[in-house]
């Protein structure tokens, strides 16, 4: 479970997240984070959120957004609202680091999804592009379908494919949720 002030990083993509307001703090109303992207980051897979709205404000640098198939650049000070169901992806195509304040409403289990994906990346259990493999994705797709859905392939293809792969993933010992390892100080 995320906590205010927690910092997580995906060493493969170079994206980091700093939790400002957690799901628990807002009683589920919203999740607010600062997300930072290294220069020349890769475009993530186009996706959408079935019932969540996202709001982004660029705090530093600029980010590229693909929204419903159209490319757009957001610069420092600019904001963007993404409605539920809108297909999108966001990355930093410039040289300099970029940081956005990212608010998700309602929060649902978004922080748990982010922690899981970043933990998998930290453990080296993702593709060279920083994406969980197809077996792991089959579990994530079922566990977090209320928060995150891939835009392609079509939903019915995903349901069949992931439905067939999910039992194999479980037999291999994969899990749908992973929590970051808490670092404790030894006196």
C-alpha atoms as a PDB file:
ATOM      1  CA  UNK A   1       0.000   0.000   0.000  1.00  0.00           C
ATOM      2  CA  UNK A   2       1.449   3.337  -1.053  1.00  0.00           C
ATOM      3  CA  UNK A   3       2.169   6.048   1.469  1.00  0.00           C
ATOM      4  CA  UNK A   4       2.605   9.796   1.180  1.00  0.00           C
ATOM      5  CA  UNK A   5       6.212  10.605   0.321  1.00  0.00           C
ATOM      6  CA  UNK A   6       6.924   7.163  -1.150  1.00  0.00           C
ATOM      7  CA  UNK A   7       9.213   7.185  -4.187  1.00  0.00           C
ATOM      8  CA  UNK A   8       9.269   4.350  -6.716  1.00  0.00           C
ATOM      9  CA  UNK A   9      11.285   4.068  -9.894  1.00  0.00           C
ATOM     10  CA  UNK A  10      11.199   1.904 -12.983  1.00  0.00           C
ATOM     11  CA  UNK A  11      14.894   1.380 -13.807  1.00  0.00           C
ATOM     12  CA  UNK A  12      14.069   0.161 -17.321  1.00  0.00           C
ATOM     13  CA  UNK A  13      11.906   3.081 -18.504  1.00  0.00           C
ATOM     14  CA  UNK A  14      13.460   5.703 -16.220  1.00  0.00           C
ATOM     15  CA  UNK A  15      10.045   6.818 -14.988  1.00  0.00           C
ATOM     16  CA  UNK A  16       9.718   7.648 -11.302  1.00  0.00           C
ATOM     17  CA  UNK A  17       6.678   8.314  -9.151  1.00  0.00           C
ATOM     18  CA  UNK A  18       6.461  10.310  -5.928  1.00  0.00           C
ATOM     19  CA  UNK A  19       3.178   9.830  -4.037  1.00  0.00           C
ATOM     20  CA  UNK A  20       1.649  13.139  -2.895  1.00  0.00           C
ATOM     21  CA  UNK A  21      -1.894  12.066  -1.921  1.00  0.00           C
ATOM     22  CA  UNK A  22      -2.677   8.377  -1.535  1.00  0.00           C
ATOM     23  CA  UNK A  23      -5.920   6.507  -1.990  1.00  0.00           C
ATOM     24  CA  UNK A  24      -6.227   6.060   1.759  1.00  0.00           C
ATOM     25  CA  UNK A  25      -5.686   9.756   2.474  1.00  0.00           C
ATOM     26  CA  UNK A  26      -8.403  10.785   0.021  1.00  0.00           C
ATOM     27  CA  UNK A  27     -10.802   7.975   1.036  1.00  0.00           C
ATOM     28  CA  UNK A  28     -10.563   6.701  -2.529  1.00  0.00           C
ATOM     29  CA  UNK A  29     -11.495   9.999  -4.175  1.00  0.00           C
ATOM     30  CA  UNK A  30      -8.160  10.551  -5.892  1.00  0.00           C
ATOM     31  CA  UNK A  31      -4.531   9.585  -6.249  1.00  0.00           C
ATOM     32  CA  UNK A  32      -2.058  12.444  -6.775  1.00  0.00           C
ATOM     33  CA  UNK A  33       1.548  11.800  -7.784  1.00  0.00           C
ATOM     34  CA  UNK A  34       4.459  13.564  -9.392  1.00  0.00           C
ATOM     35  CA  UNK A  35       5.766  11.474 -12.241  1.00  0.00           C
ATOM     36  CA  UNK A  36       9.142  12.156 -13.785  1.00  0.00           C
ATOM     37  CA  UNK A  37      10.280  10.844 -17.175  1.00  0.00           C
ATOM     38  CA  UNK A  38      13.892  10.654 -18.360  1.00  0.00           C
ATOM     39  CA  UNK A  39      14.731  12.236 -21.694  1.00  0.00           C
ATOM     40  CA  UNK A  40      13.924  10.216 -24.796  1.00  0.00           C
ATOM     41  CA  UNK A  41      11.693   7.762 -22.970  1.00  0.00           C
ATOM     42  CA  UNK A  42       9.742   5.197 -24.974  1.00  0.00           C
ATOM     43  CA  UNK A  43       6.065   5.521 -25.795  1.00  0.00           C
ATOM     44  CA  UNK A  44       4.068   3.154 -23.563  1.00  0.00           C
ATOM     45  CA  UNK A  45       1.330   0.950 -24.948  1.00  0.00           C
ATOM     46  CA  UNK A  46      -1.840   2.895 -25.789  1.00  0.00           C
ATOM     47  CA  UNK A  47      -4.404   2.228 -23.076  1.00  0.00           C
ATOM     48  CA  UNK A  48      -7.478   3.628 -21.355  1.00  0.00           C
ATOM     49  CA  UNK A  49      -9.140   3.718 -17.967  1.00  0.00           C
ATOM     50  CA  UNK A  50     -12.793   2.575 -18.060  1.00  0.00           C
ATOM     51  CA  UNK A  51     -14.164   4.767 -15.254  1.00  0.00           C
ATOM     52  CA  UNK A  52     -11.313   7.037 -14.213  1.00  0.00           C
ATOM     53  CA  UNK A  53     -10.478  10.582 -15.223  1.00  0.00           C
ATOM     54  CA  UNK A  54      -6.858  11.707 -15.323  1.00  0.00           C
ATOM     55  CA  UNK A  55      -5.525  15.234 -15.059  1.00  0.00           C
ATOM     56  CA  UNK A  56      -1.934  16.132 -15.920  1.00  0.00           C
ATOM     57  CA  UNK A  57      -0.057  19.366 -15.304  1.00  0.00           C
ATOM     58  CA  UNK A  58       3.460  19.696 -16.705  1.00  0.00           C
ATOM     59  CA  UNK A  59       5.766  20.993 -13.964  1.00  0.00           C
ATOM     60  CA  UNK A  60       9.089  20.682 -15.817  1.00  0.00           C
ATOM     61  CA  UNK A  61      10.100  20.064 -19.413  1.00  0.00           C
ATOM     62  CA  UNK A  62       7.585  18.748 -21.915  1.00  0.00           C
ATOM     63  CA  UNK A  63       5.761  15.507 -22.631  1.00  0.00           C
ATOM     64  CA  UNK A  64       4.317  14.017 -25.785  1.00  0.00           C
ATOM     65  CA  UNK A  65       0.762  12.711 -25.598  1.00  0.00           C
ATOM     66  CA  UNK A  66      -1.050  10.476 -28.037  1.00  0.00           C
ATOM     67  CA  UNK A  67      -4.745  11.043 -27.344  1.00  0.00           C
ATOM     68  CA  UNK A  68      -7.283   9.182 -29.468  1.00  0.00           C
ATOM     69  CA  UNK A  69      -4.551   8.738 -32.110  1.00  0.00           C
ATOM     70  CA  UNK A  70      -3.528  12.422 -32.281  1.00  0.00           C
ATOM     71  CA  UNK A  71      -0.069  13.571 -31.152  1.00  0.00           C
ATOM     72  CA  UNK A  72       0.274  16.637 -28.965  1.00  0.00           C
ATOM     73  CA  UNK A  73       3.132  18.223 -26.991  1.00  0.00           C
ATOM     74  CA  UNK A  74       2.445  19.637 -23.530  1.00  0.00           C
ATOM     75  CA  UNK A  75       4.952  22.154 -22.193  1.00  0.00           C
ATOM     76  CA  UNK A  76       5.672  23.453 -18.710  1.00  0.00           C
ATOM     77  CA  UNK A  77       2.519  24.985 -17.217  1.00  0.00           C
ATOM     78  CA  UNK A  78       0.114  23.295 -19.625  1.00  0.00           C
ATOM     79  CA  UNK A  79      -2.606  20.920 -18.424  1.00  0.00           C
ATOM     80  CA  UNK A  80      -4.590  18.069 -19.925  1.00  0.00           C
ATOM     81  CA  UNK A  81      -7.712  16.195 -18.830  1.00  0.00           C
ATOM     82  CA  UNK A  82      -8.229  12.657 -20.095  1.00  0.00           C
ATOM     83  CA  UNK A  83     -11.801  11.389 -19.844  1.00  0.00           C
ATOM     84  CA  UNK A  84     -12.719   7.817 -18.915  1.00  0.00           C
ATOM     85  CA  UNK A  85     -12.404   5.546 -21.944  1.00  0.00           C
ATOM     86  CA  UNK A  86     -10.088   7.864 -23.937  1.00  0.00           C
ATOM     87  CA  UNK A  87      -7.198   5.935 -25.485  1.00  0.00           C
ATOM     88  CA  UNK A  88      -3.887   7.579 -24.669  1.00  0.00           C
ATOM     89  CA  UNK A  89      -0.183   7.256 -23.965  1.00  0.00           C
ATOM     90  CA  UNK A  90       2.317   9.760 -22.571  1.00  0.00           C
ATOM     91  CA  UNK A  91       6.100   9.924 -22.718  1.00  0.00           C
ATOM     92  CA  UNK A  92       9.010  12.329 -22.934  1.00  0.00           C
ATOM     93  CA  UNK A  93      10.376  12.631 -26.472  1.00  0.00           C
ATOM     94  CA  UNK A  94      12.657  15.581 -25.614  1.00  0.00           C
ATOM     95  CA  UNK A  95      16.233  15.435 -24.318  1.00  0.00           C
ATOM     96  CA  UNK A  96      15.576  16.994 -20.895  1.00  0.00           C
ATOM     97  CA  UNK A  97      13.821  15.325 -17.963  1.00  0.00           C
ATOM     98  CA  UNK A  98      10.081  16.048 -17.674  1.00  0.00           C
ATOM     99  CA  UNK A  99       7.867  16.052 -14.595  1.00  0.00           C
ATOM    100  CA  UNK A 100       4.074  16.102 -14.378  1.00  0.00           C
ATOM    101  CA  UNK A 101       1.571  16.274 -11.526  1.00  0.00           C
ATOM    102  CA  UNK A 102      -0.813  13.417 -12.278  1.00  0.00           C
ATOM    103  CA  UNK A 103      -4.215  13.116 -10.604  1.00  0.00           C
ATOM    104  CA  UNK A 104      -6.441  10.070 -11.067  1.00  0.00           C
ATOM    105  CA  UNK A 105     -10.133  10.225  -9.991  1.00  0.00           C
ATOM    106  CA  UNK A 106     -11.419   8.027  -8.479  1.00  0.00           C
ATOM    107  CA  UNK A 107      -8.243   6.387  -7.250  1.00  0.00           C
ATOM    108  CA  UNK A 108      -9.525   2.806  -7.303  1.00  0.00           C
ATOM    109  CA  UNK A 109      -6.469   0.482  -7.173  1.00  0.00           C
ATOM    110  CA  UNK A 110      -4.178   2.574  -9.371  1.00  0.00           C
ATOM    111  CA  UNK A 111      -1.410   2.895  -6.782  1.00  0.00           C
ATOM    112  CA  UNK A 112      -1.380  -0.888  -6.350  1.00  0.00           C
ATOM    113  CA  UNK A 113      -1.129  -1.314 -10.135  1.00  0.00           C
ATOM    114  CA  UNK A 114       1.773   1.164 -10.335  1.00  0.00           C
ATOM    115  CA  UNK A 115       3.600  -0.466  -7.427  1.00  0.00           C
ATOM    116  CA  UNK A 116       3.198  -3.892  -9.055  1.00  0.00           C
ATOM    117  CA  UNK A 117       4.519  -2.817 -12.472  1.00  0.00           C
ATOM    118  CA  UNK A 118       7.444  -0.884 -10.974  1.00  0.00           C
ATOM    119  CA  UNK A 119       8.310  -3.776  -8.624  1.00  0.00           C
ATOM    120  CA  UNK A 120       8.368  -6.177 -11.589  1.00  0.00           C
ATOM    121  CA  UNK A 121      10.723  -3.792 -13.426  1.00  0.00           C
ATOM    122  CA  UNK A 122      13.005  -3.485 -10.383  1.00  0.00           C
ATOM    123  CA  UNK A 123      13.184  -7.286 -10.213  1.00  0.00           C
ATOM    124  CA  UNK A 124      14.066  -7.492 -13.916  1.00  0.00           C
ATOM    125  CA  UNK A 125      10.811  -9.307 -14.738  1.00  0.00           C
ATOM    126  CA  UNK A 126       9.853  -7.162 -17.732  1.00  0.00           C
ATOM    127  CA  UNK A 127      10.751  -6.971 -21.406  1.00  0.00           C
ATOM    128  CA  UNK A 128      13.636  -4.765 -22.613  1.00  0.00           C
ATOM    129  CA  UNK A 129      10.973  -2.078 -23.232  1.00  0.00           C
ATOM    130  CA  UNK A 130       9.964  -2.202 -19.555  1.00  0.00           C
ATOM    131  CA  UNK A 131       6.626  -3.959 -20.132  1.00  0.00           C
ATOM    132  CA  UNK A 132       5.568  -7.111 -18.250  1.00  0.00           C
ATOM    133  CA  UNK A 133       5.643 -10.214 -20.462  1.00  0.00           C
ATOM    134  CA  UNK A 134       2.498 -11.767 -21.864  1.00  0.00           C
ATOM    135  CA  UNK A 135       2.071 -14.307 -19.018  1.00  0.00           C
ATOM    136  CA  UNK A 136       2.413 -11.611 -16.354  1.00  0.00           C
ATOM    137  CA  UNK A 137       0.177  -9.295 -18.384  1.00  0.00           C
ATOM    138  CA  UNK A 138      -2.538 -11.951 -18.411  1.00  0.00           C
ATOM    139  CA  UNK A 139      -2.670 -11.732 -14.610  1.00  0.00           C
ATOM    140  CA  UNK A 140      -2.469  -7.928 -14.520  1.00  0.00           C
ATOM    141  CA  UNK A 141      -5.270  -7.613 -17.094  1.00  0.00           C
ATOM    142  CA  UNK A 142      -7.624  -9.649 -14.926  1.00  0.00           C
ATOM    143  CA  UNK A 143      -6.636  -8.117 -11.600  1.00  0.00           C
ATOM    144  CA  UNK A 144      -6.684  -4.468 -12.690  1.00  0.00           C
ATOM    145  CA  UNK A 145      -9.327  -4.423 -15.442  1.00  0.00           C
ATOM    146  CA  UNK A 146     -11.192  -1.654 -13.600  1.00  0.00           C
ATOM    147  CA  UNK A 147      -8.124   0.591 -13.681  1.00  0.00           C
ATOM    148  CA  UNK A 148      -6.210  -0.185 -16.863  1.00  0.00           C
ATOM    149  CA  UNK A 149      -7.007  -1.701 -20.250  1.00  0.00           C
ATOM    150  CA  UNK A 150      -4.864  -2.056 -23.338  1.00  0.00           C
ATOM    151  CA  UNK A 151      -6.306  -0.439 -26.459  1.00  0.00           C
ATOM    152  CA  UNK A 152      -5.082  -3.287 -28.699  1.00  0.00           C
ATOM    153  CA  UNK A 153      -5.712  -6.059 -29.569  1.00  0.00           C
ATOM    154  CA  UNK A 154      -9.525  -5.898 -29.379  1.00  0.00           C
ATOM    155  CA  UNK A 155     -11.003  -6.657 -25.958  1.00  0.00           C
ATOM    156  CA  UNK A 156     -12.492 -10.000 -27.023  1.00  0.00           C
ATOM    157  CA  UNK A 157      -9.057 -11.177 -28.255  1.00  0.00           C
ATOM    158  CA  UNK A 158      -7.475 -10.085 -24.956  1.00  0.00           C
ATOM    159  CA  UNK A 159     -10.170 -11.933 -22.985  1.00  0.00           C
ATOM    160  CA  UNK A 160      -9.579 -15.184 -24.873  1.00  0.00           C
ATOM    161  CA  UNK A 161      -5.774 -14.965 -24.940  1.00  0.00           C
ATOM    162  CA  UNK A 162      -5.335 -13.837 -21.332  1.00  0.00           C
ATOM    163  CA  UNK A 163      -7.989 -16.298 -20.173  1.00  0.00           C
ATOM    164  CA  UNK A 164      -5.969 -19.157 -21.680  1.00  0.00           C
ATOM    165  CA  UNK A 165      -2.643 -17.870 -20.340  1.00  0.00           C
ATOM    166  CA  UNK A 166      -3.758 -16.988 -16.794  1.00  0.00           C
ATOM    167  CA  UNK A 167      -3.735 -20.627 -15.484  1.00  0.00           C
ATOM    168  CA  UNK A 168      -0.270 -21.181 -16.974  1.00  0.00           C
ATOM    169  CA  UNK A 169       1.035 -18.013 -15.316  1.00  0.00           C
ATOM    170  CA  UNK A 170      -0.354 -19.152 -11.965  1.00  0.00           C
ATOM    171  CA  UNK A 171       1.134 -22.641 -12.383  1.00  0.00           C
ATOM    172  CA  UNK A 172       4.517 -21.011 -13.000  1.00  0.00           C
ATOM    173  CA  UNK A 173       4.195 -19.130  -9.706  1.00  0.00           C
ATOM    174  CA  UNK A 174       3.475 -15.662 -11.069  1.00  0.00           C
ATOM    175  CA  UNK A 175       1.194 -13.385  -9.053  1.00  0.00           C
ATOM    176  CA  UNK A 176      -1.138 -10.587 -10.068  1.00  0.00           C
ATOM    177  CA  UNK A 177       0.054  -8.179  -7.360  1.00  0.00           C
ATOM    178  CA  UNK A 178       3.558  -7.396  -6.139  1.00  0.00           C
ATOM    179  CA  UNK A 179       4.458  -4.892  -3.437  1.00  0.00           C
ATOM    180  CA  UNK A 180       7.684  -2.942  -3.285  1.00  0.00           C
ATOM    181  CA  UNK A 181      10.279  -4.152  -0.811  1.00  0.00           C
ATOM    182  CA  UNK A 182      10.368  -1.746   2.108  1.00  0.00           C
ATOM    183  CA  UNK A 183      13.878  -0.708   2.963  1.00  0.00           C
ATOM    184  CA  UNK A 184      14.490  -0.528   6.681  1.00  0.00           C
ATOM    185  CA  UNK A 185      17.401   1.037   8.450  1.00  0.00           C
ATOM    186  CA  UNK A 186      19.486  -1.269  10.629  1.00  0.00           C
ATOM    187  CA  UNK A 187      20.778   0.431  13.750  1.00  0.00           C
END
